[in-house]
Amino acid sequence: MTEELKTKKRNLTLSLPYPLVRKAKEMAVREDRSLNDYVRAAIEEKIEHASGYAEARERQLARLEKGLALGTKGRAPAVRDDLHERS
């Protein structure tokens, strides 16, 4: 998909039950967002979740938090100055 298509917008008409619209407006106001932005974000979140993106992101963030074993058992095997000794 080109950058132009990613930023191009298209109007869409939806028919939603009144209570759903009212609740969505309330939620948008609480988040200091427009209803349009709130609905767009909700759709994007649903698509990301369905595509597995959200799950993969959470997995990778957890791995970053945990870190990887580098075989040093938590201690530095050498001092920086020793590694970069100048003659």
N, C-alpha and C. Protein backbone atom coordinates (compact mmCIF):
# COMPACT_ATOMS: atom_id res chain seq x y z
N MET A 1 0.85 -1.17 0.00
CA MET A 1 0.00 0.00 0.00
C MET A 1 0.89 1.24 0.00
N THR A 2 0.58 2.19 -0.85
CA THR A 2 1.39 3.40 -0.95
C THR A 2 1.10 4.33 0.22
N GLU A 3 2.05 5.26 0.45
CA GLU A 3 1.86 6.25 1.53
C GLU A 3 0.62 7.09 1.26
N GLU A 4 0.36 7.39 0.01
CA GLU A 4 -0.80 8.20 -0.34
C GLU A 4 -2.09 7.51 0.09
N LEU A 5 -2.18 6.20 -0.16
CA LEU A 5 -3.39 5.47 0.23
C LEU A 5 -3.50 5.35 1.74
N LYS A 6 -2.37 5.28 2.45
CA LYS A 6 -2.40 5.16 3.91
C LYS A 6 -2.98 6.41 4.55
N THR A 7 -2.77 7.57 3.94
CA THR A 7 -3.23 8.82 4.54
C THR A 7 -4.54 9.33 3.95
N LYS A 8 -4.91 8.80 2.80
CA LYS A 8 -6.16 9.22 2.15
C LYS A 8 -7.34 8.74 2.99
N LYS A 9 -8.35 9.59 3.10
CA LYS A 9 -9.52 9.25 3.91
C LYS A 9 -10.75 9.11 3.04
N ARG A 10 -11.68 8.35 3.57
CA ARG A 10 -12.94 8.12 2.87
C ARG A 10 -14.07 8.21 3.88
N ASN A 11 -15.10 8.93 3.52
CA ASN A 11 -16.26 9.04 4.40
C ASN A 11 -17.05 7.74 4.39
N LEU A 12 -17.66 7.46 5.54
CA LEU A 12 -18.42 6.23 5.70
C LEU A 12 -19.67 6.56 6.51
N THR A 13 -20.79 6.06 6.07
CA THR A 13 -22.04 6.27 6.80
C THR A 13 -22.38 4.99 7.54
N LEU A 14 -22.63 5.12 8.83
CA LEU A 14 -22.99 3.97 9.65
C LEU A 14 -24.36 4.19 10.26
N SER A 15 -25.08 3.11 10.44
CA SER A 15 -26.34 3.14 11.18
C SER A 15 -26.12 2.34 12.45
N LEU A 16 -26.16 3.04 13.58
CA LEU A 16 -25.92 2.40 14.87
C LEU A 16 -27.08 2.67 15.80
N PRO A 17 -27.35 1.76 16.71
CA PRO A 17 -28.42 2.00 17.70
C PRO A 17 -28.10 3.23 18.54
N TYR A 18 -29.14 4.00 18.84
CA TYR A 18 -28.97 5.23 19.60
C TYR A 18 -28.20 5.03 20.91
N PRO A 19 -28.49 4.01 21.71
CA PRO A 19 -27.74 3.84 22.97
C PRO A 19 -26.23 3.62 22.74
N LEU A 20 -25.89 2.94 21.67
CA LEU A 20 -24.48 2.72 21.35
C LEU A 20 -23.79 4.04 20.98
N VAL A 21 -24.47 4.85 20.18
CA VAL A 21 -23.92 6.15 19.79
C VAL A 21 -23.75 7.04 21.02
N ARG A 22 -24.76 7.06 21.87
CA ARG A 22 -24.69 7.88 23.08
C ARG A 22 -23.53 7.46 23.96
N LYS A 23 -23.36 6.16 24.16
CA LYS A 23 -22.27 5.65 24.99
C LYS A 23 -20.91 5.97 24.35
N ALA A 24 -20.81 5.83 23.04
CA ALA A 24 -19.56 6.14 22.34
C ALA A 24 -19.22 7.62 22.48
N LYS A 25 -20.22 8.48 22.39
CA LYS A 25 -19.98 9.92 22.59
C LYS A 25 -19.48 10.19 24.00
N GLU A 26 -20.09 9.55 24.99
CA GLU A 26 -19.66 9.73 26.39
C GLU A 26 -18.21 9.30 26.57
N MET A 27 -17.87 8.15 25.99
CA MET A 27 -16.50 7.64 26.12
C MET A 27 -15.50 8.56 25.41
N ALA A 28 -15.88 9.08 24.26
CA ALA A 28 -15.01 9.99 23.52
C ALA A 28 -14.75 11.26 24.32
N VAL A 29 -15.79 11.79 24.94
CA VAL A 29 -15.65 13.00 25.75
C VAL A 29 -14.72 12.72 26.93
N ARG A 30 -14.88 11.57 27.59
CA ARG A 30 -14.00 11.21 28.72
C ARG A 30 -12.54 11.16 28.30
N GLU A 31 -12.29 10.73 27.07
CA GLU A 31 -10.92 10.62 26.57
C GLU A 31 -10.47 11.88 25.82
N ASP A 32 -11.31 12.92 25.86
CA ASP A 32 -11.01 14.19 25.19
C ASP A 32 -10.71 13.98 23.71
N ARG A 33 -11.56 13.21 23.05
CA ARG A 33 -11.41 12.91 21.63
C ARG A 33 -12.71 13.19 20.91
N SER A 34 -12.61 13.34 19.61
CA SER A 34 -13.83 13.46 18.81
C SER A 34 -14.44 12.07 18.67
N LEU A 35 -15.71 12.03 18.37
CA LEU A 35 -16.37 10.75 18.15
C LEU A 35 -15.73 10.04 16.95
N ASN A 36 -15.42 10.79 15.92
CA ASN A 36 -14.77 10.23 14.74
C ASN A 36 -13.45 9.55 15.12
N ASP A 37 -12.63 10.24 15.88
CA ASP A 37 -11.34 9.68 16.30
C ASP A 37 -11.53 8.46 17.20
N TYR A 38 -12.50 8.53 18.09
CA TYR A 38 -12.78 7.42 19.01
C TYR A 38 -13.19 6.16 18.23
N VAL A 39 -14.09 6.32 17.27
CA VAL A 39 -14.56 5.17 16.49
C VAL A 39 -13.43 4.63 15.62
N ARG A 40 -12.64 5.52 15.00
CA ARG A 40 -11.52 5.07 14.17
C ARG A 40 -10.53 4.26 15.01
N ALA A 41 -10.20 4.75 16.21
CA ALA A 41 -9.26 4.04 17.08
C ALA A 41 -9.82 2.69 17.50
N ALA A 42 -11.11 2.63 17.77
CA ALA A 42 -11.73 1.36 18.17
C ALA A 42 -11.66 0.33 17.03
N ILE A 43 -11.89 0.79 15.82
CA ILE A 43 -11.82 -0.11 14.66
C ILE A 43 -10.38 -0.58 14.45
N GLU A 44 -9.42 0.35 14.55
CA GLU A 44 -8.01 -0.01 14.39
C GLU A 44 -7.58 -1.03 15.44
N GLU A 45 -8.02 -0.83 16.68
CA GLU A 45 -7.69 -1.76 17.77
C GLU A 45 -8.25 -3.15 17.48
N LYS A 46 -9.46 -3.20 17.00
CA LYS A 46 -10.10 -4.47 16.68
C LYS A 46 -9.34 -5.19 15.56
N ILE A 47 -8.92 -4.45 14.55
CA ILE A 47 -8.19 -5.04 13.43
C ILE A 47 -6.82 -5.53 13.89
N GLU A 48 -6.11 -4.72 14.69
CA GLU A 48 -4.80 -5.13 15.21
C GLU A 48 -4.91 -6.40 16.03
N HIS A 49 -5.93 -6.46 16.86
CA HIS A 49 -6.12 -7.64 17.70
C HIS A 49 -6.38 -8.87 16.84
N ALA A 50 -7.25 -8.70 15.86
CA ALA A 50 -7.60 -9.83 14.99
C ALA A 50 -6.41 -10.30 14.17
N SER A 51 -5.53 -9.40 13.83
CA SER A 51 -4.39 -9.77 13.00
C SER A 51 -3.25 -10.36 13.83
N GLY A 52 -3.39 -10.37 15.14
CA GLY A 52 -2.35 -10.93 15.98
C GLY A 52 -1.27 -9.93 16.35
N TYR A 53 -1.38 -8.72 15.83
CA TYR A 53 -0.36 -7.71 16.09
C TYR A 53 -0.24 -7.42 17.59
N ALA A 54 -1.35 -7.22 18.24
CA ALA A 54 -1.33 -6.87 19.66
C ALA A 54 -0.67 -7.97 20.49
N GLU A 55 -0.99 -9.22 20.18
CA GLU A 55 -0.39 -10.33 20.92
C GLU A 55 1.10 -10.42 20.68
N ALA A 56 1.52 -10.27 19.44
CA ALA A 56 2.95 -10.33 19.13
C ALA A 56 3.69 -9.18 19.80
N ARG A 57 3.09 -8.00 19.82
CA ARG A 57 3.70 -6.84 20.47
C ARG A 57 3.89 -7.10 21.96
N GLU A 58 2.87 -7.62 22.60
CA GLU A 58 2.96 -7.91 24.04
C GLU A 58 4.03 -8.96 24.32
N ARG A 59 4.11 -9.99 23.47
CA ARG A 59 5.15 -11.02 23.63
C ARG A 59 6.54 -10.41 23.55
N GLN A 60 6.73 -9.56 22.56
CA GLN A 60 8.06 -8.97 22.38
C GLN A 60 8.40 -7.99 23.49
N LEU A 61 7.43 -7.24 23.97
CA LEU A 61 7.68 -6.33 25.09
C LEU A 61 8.05 -7.11 26.35
N ALA A 62 7.39 -8.25 26.56
CA ALA A 62 7.70 -9.10 27.71
C ALA A 62 9.12 -9.64 27.60
N ARG A 63 9.52 -10.03 26.40
CA ARG A 63 10.89 -10.52 26.19
C ARG A 63 11.91 -9.43 26.45
N LEU A 64 11.60 -8.21 26.02
CA LEU A 64 12.51 -7.09 26.28
C LEU A 64 12.64 -6.83 27.78
N GLU A 65 11.51 -6.90 28.46
CA GLU A 65 11.51 -6.67 29.92
C GLU A 65 12.34 -7.73 30.64
N LYS A 66 12.20 -8.97 30.22
CA LYS A 66 12.92 -10.07 30.85
C LYS A 66 14.40 -10.03 30.50
N GLY A 67 14.71 -9.69 29.28
CA GLY A 67 16.09 -9.67 28.83
C GLY A 67 16.55 -11.06 28.37
N LEU A 68 17.73 -11.11 27.81
CA LEU A 68 18.28 -12.37 27.31
C LEU A 68 19.50 -12.77 28.12
N ALA A 69 19.67 -14.06 28.33
CA ALA A 69 20.85 -14.57 29.03
C ALA A 69 22.05 -14.47 28.10
N LEU A 70 23.07 -13.75 28.52
CA LEU A 70 24.27 -13.58 27.70
C LEU A 70 25.41 -14.47 28.16
N GLY A 71 25.12 -15.33 29.13
CA GLY A 71 26.13 -16.25 29.63
C GLY A 71 27.07 -15.65 30.65
N THR A 72 26.78 -14.45 31.12
CA THR A 72 27.68 -13.79 32.09
C THR A 72 27.21 -13.97 33.53
N LYS A 73 26.04 -14.56 33.70
CA LYS A 73 25.44 -14.78 35.02
C LYS A 73 25.38 -13.49 35.85
N GLY A 74 25.14 -12.38 35.18
CA GLY A 74 24.94 -11.11 35.87
C GLY A 74 26.21 -10.34 36.20
N ARG A 75 27.36 -10.85 35.85
CA ARG A 75 28.59 -10.10 36.14
C ARG A 75 29.30 -9.77 34.83
N ALA A 76 30.00 -8.66 34.85
CA ALA A 76 30.74 -8.23 33.67
C ALA A 76 32.03 -9.04 33.58
N PRO A 77 32.30 -9.70 32.45
CA PRO A 77 33.49 -10.53 32.32
C PRO A 77 34.78 -9.72 32.17
N ALA A 78 34.65 -8.46 31.83
CA ALA A 78 35.85 -7.63 31.66
C ALA A 78 35.50 -6.18 31.95
N VAL A 79 36.51 -5.40 32.21
CA VAL A 79 36.33 -3.97 32.44
C VAL A 79 36.56 -3.26 31.12
N ARG A 80 35.79 -2.25 30.86
CA ARG A 80 35.86 -1.54 29.58
C ARG A 80 37.28 -1.07 29.29
N ASP A 81 37.95 -0.50 30.28
CA ASP A 81 39.30 0.01 30.05
C ASP A 81 40.26 -1.09 29.62
N ASP A 82 40.08 -2.31 30.16
CA ASP A 82 40.94 -3.43 29.74
C ASP A 82 40.69 -3.81 28.29
N LEU A 83 39.42 -3.74 27.87
CA LEU A 83 39.08 -4.10 26.52
C LEU A 83 39.59 -3.07 25.49
N HIS A 84 39.69 -1.82 25.94
CA HIS A 84 40.09 -0.74 25.04
C HIS A 84 41.42 -0.13 25.47
N GLU A 85 42.32 -0.97 25.89
CA GLU A 85 43.63 -0.50 26.36
C GLU A 85 44.39 0.13 25.19
N ARG A 86 44.95 1.27 25.46
CA ARG A 86 45.70 2.00 24.42
C ARG A 86 47.18 1.90 24.70
N SER A 87 47.98 1.74 23.67
CA SER A 87 49.43 1.64 23.84
C SER A 87 50.09 2.98 23.78
